[in-house]
Amino acid sequence: MIFLPLFAIVLYFLPTIIGHNKRNAVGIFLLNFFLGWTVIGWIIALIWACTSDVRLPVFVVAGHGHFCCHCGKVNPPDGRFCWACGRPT
């Protein structure tokens, strides 16, 4: 008799369980928690949990130098000011 309510809770939070490792896991949980009782909210949360995360490209800069903390441009290692924004590095 206790398995039926437990199964219902797991089924209700299935989108949250599927999307727990995503960047938007909190958003999936909140949508599932507040609108999961509607069929549309549950389906949207499930689709959101099943979609893949868009990975941002990572650029690796080879060579010497350091990044400006203000604009993110690569500066020469001996430079004291950023060549792009002019601020001290």
Protein backbone atom coordinates (compact mmCIF):
# COMPACT_ATOMS: atom_id res chain seq x y z
CA MET A 1 0.00 0.00 0.00
CA ILE A 2 2.90 2.38 0.64
CA PHE A 3 4.38 1.76 -2.80
CA LEU A 4 1.58 3.51 -4.67
CA PRO A 5 2.13 6.97 -3.07
CA LEU A 6 5.90 6.54 -3.40
CA PHE A 7 5.51 5.63 -7.08
CA ALA A 8 3.25 8.67 -7.61
CA ILE A 9 5.82 11.00 -6.03
CA VAL A 10 8.65 9.57 -8.14
CA LEU A 11 6.50 9.86 -11.27
CA TYR A 12 5.55 13.45 -10.39
CA PHE A 13 9.19 14.47 -9.94
CA LEU A 14 10.48 12.46 -12.92
CA PRO A 15 11.50 15.61 -14.88
CA THR A 16 13.48 16.82 -11.86
CA ILE A 17 15.16 13.44 -11.47
CA ILE A 18 16.10 13.34 -15.17
CA GLY A 19 17.41 16.92 -15.25
CA HIS A 20 19.26 17.03 -11.94
CA ASN A 21 22.69 17.42 -13.63
CA LYS A 22 21.72 20.25 -15.96
CA ARG A 23 22.65 23.90 -15.69
CA ASN A 24 18.96 24.77 -15.31
CA ALA A 25 18.17 22.10 -12.71
CA VAL A 26 16.67 24.63 -10.31
CA GLY A 27 14.39 25.99 -13.01
CA ILE A 28 13.27 22.50 -13.97
CA PHE A 29 12.55 21.74 -10.32
CA LEU A 30 10.58 24.95 -9.79
CA LEU A 31 8.52 24.41 -12.94
CA ASN A 32 7.89 20.83 -11.94
CA PHE A 33 7.03 21.73 -8.35
CA PHE A 34 4.64 24.60 -9.08
CA LEU A 35 3.15 23.61 -12.45
CA GLY A 36 3.72 19.87 -12.50
CA TRP A 37 0.18 19.23 -11.28
CA THR A 38 -1.02 20.46 -14.68
CA VAL A 39 -0.33 18.06 -17.49
CA ILE A 40 1.12 20.83 -19.66
CA GLY A 41 3.56 21.98 -16.95
CA TRP A 42 4.72 18.42 -16.33
CA ILE A 43 5.26 17.78 -20.06
CA ILE A 44 7.17 21.06 -20.51
CA ALA A 45 9.38 20.22 -17.52
CA LEU A 46 9.99 16.74 -18.94
CA ILE A 47 10.92 18.09 -22.37
CA TRP A 48 13.19 20.69 -20.76
CA ALA A 49 14.88 17.98 -18.70
CA CYS A 50 15.41 15.77 -21.75
CA THR A 51 16.92 18.44 -23.99
CA SER A 52 20.68 18.68 -24.17
CA ASP A 53 22.66 21.53 -22.69
CA VAL A 54 24.27 23.85 -25.19
CA ARG A 55 27.98 23.77 -24.53
CA LEU A 56 29.77 27.04 -24.94
CA PRO A 57 32.96 26.83 -26.97
CA VAL A 58 36.17 26.96 -24.99
CA PHE A 59 39.07 28.79 -26.57
CA VAL A 60 42.60 27.98 -25.48
CA VAL A 61 45.18 30.63 -26.17
CA ALA A 62 48.63 29.29 -26.86
CA GLY A 63 51.61 31.36 -25.98
CA HIS A 64 52.60 33.78 -23.30
CA GLY A 65 50.57 36.59 -21.94
CA HIS A 66 47.79 37.23 -19.48
CA PHE A 67 44.15 38.12 -19.69
CA CYS A 68 42.71 41.50 -18.83
CA CYS A 69 40.25 41.11 -15.97
CA HIS A 70 38.04 43.86 -17.40
CA CYS A 71 37.64 42.99 -21.08
CA GLY A 72 39.16 39.48 -21.35
CA LYS A 73 41.69 40.25 -24.07
CA VAL A 74 45.13 38.66 -24.08
CA ASN A 75 47.95 41.07 -23.34
CA PRO A 76 51.71 40.71 -23.70
CA PRO A 77 53.42 39.33 -20.60
CA ASP A 78 55.39 42.53 -19.98
CA GLY A 79 52.46 44.92 -20.57
CA ARG A 80 51.15 46.93 -17.66
CA PHE A 81 48.05 48.21 -19.47
CA CYS A 82 45.51 46.40 -21.61
CA TRP A 83 45.90 47.11 -25.29
CA ALA A 84 42.12 46.89 -25.88
CA CYS A 85 40.56 48.85 -23.00
CA GLY A 86 43.57 50.76 -21.62
CA ARG A 87 43.02 49.73 -18.02
CA PRO A 88 45.88 48.50 -15.81
CA THR A 89 46.23 44.73 -15.75
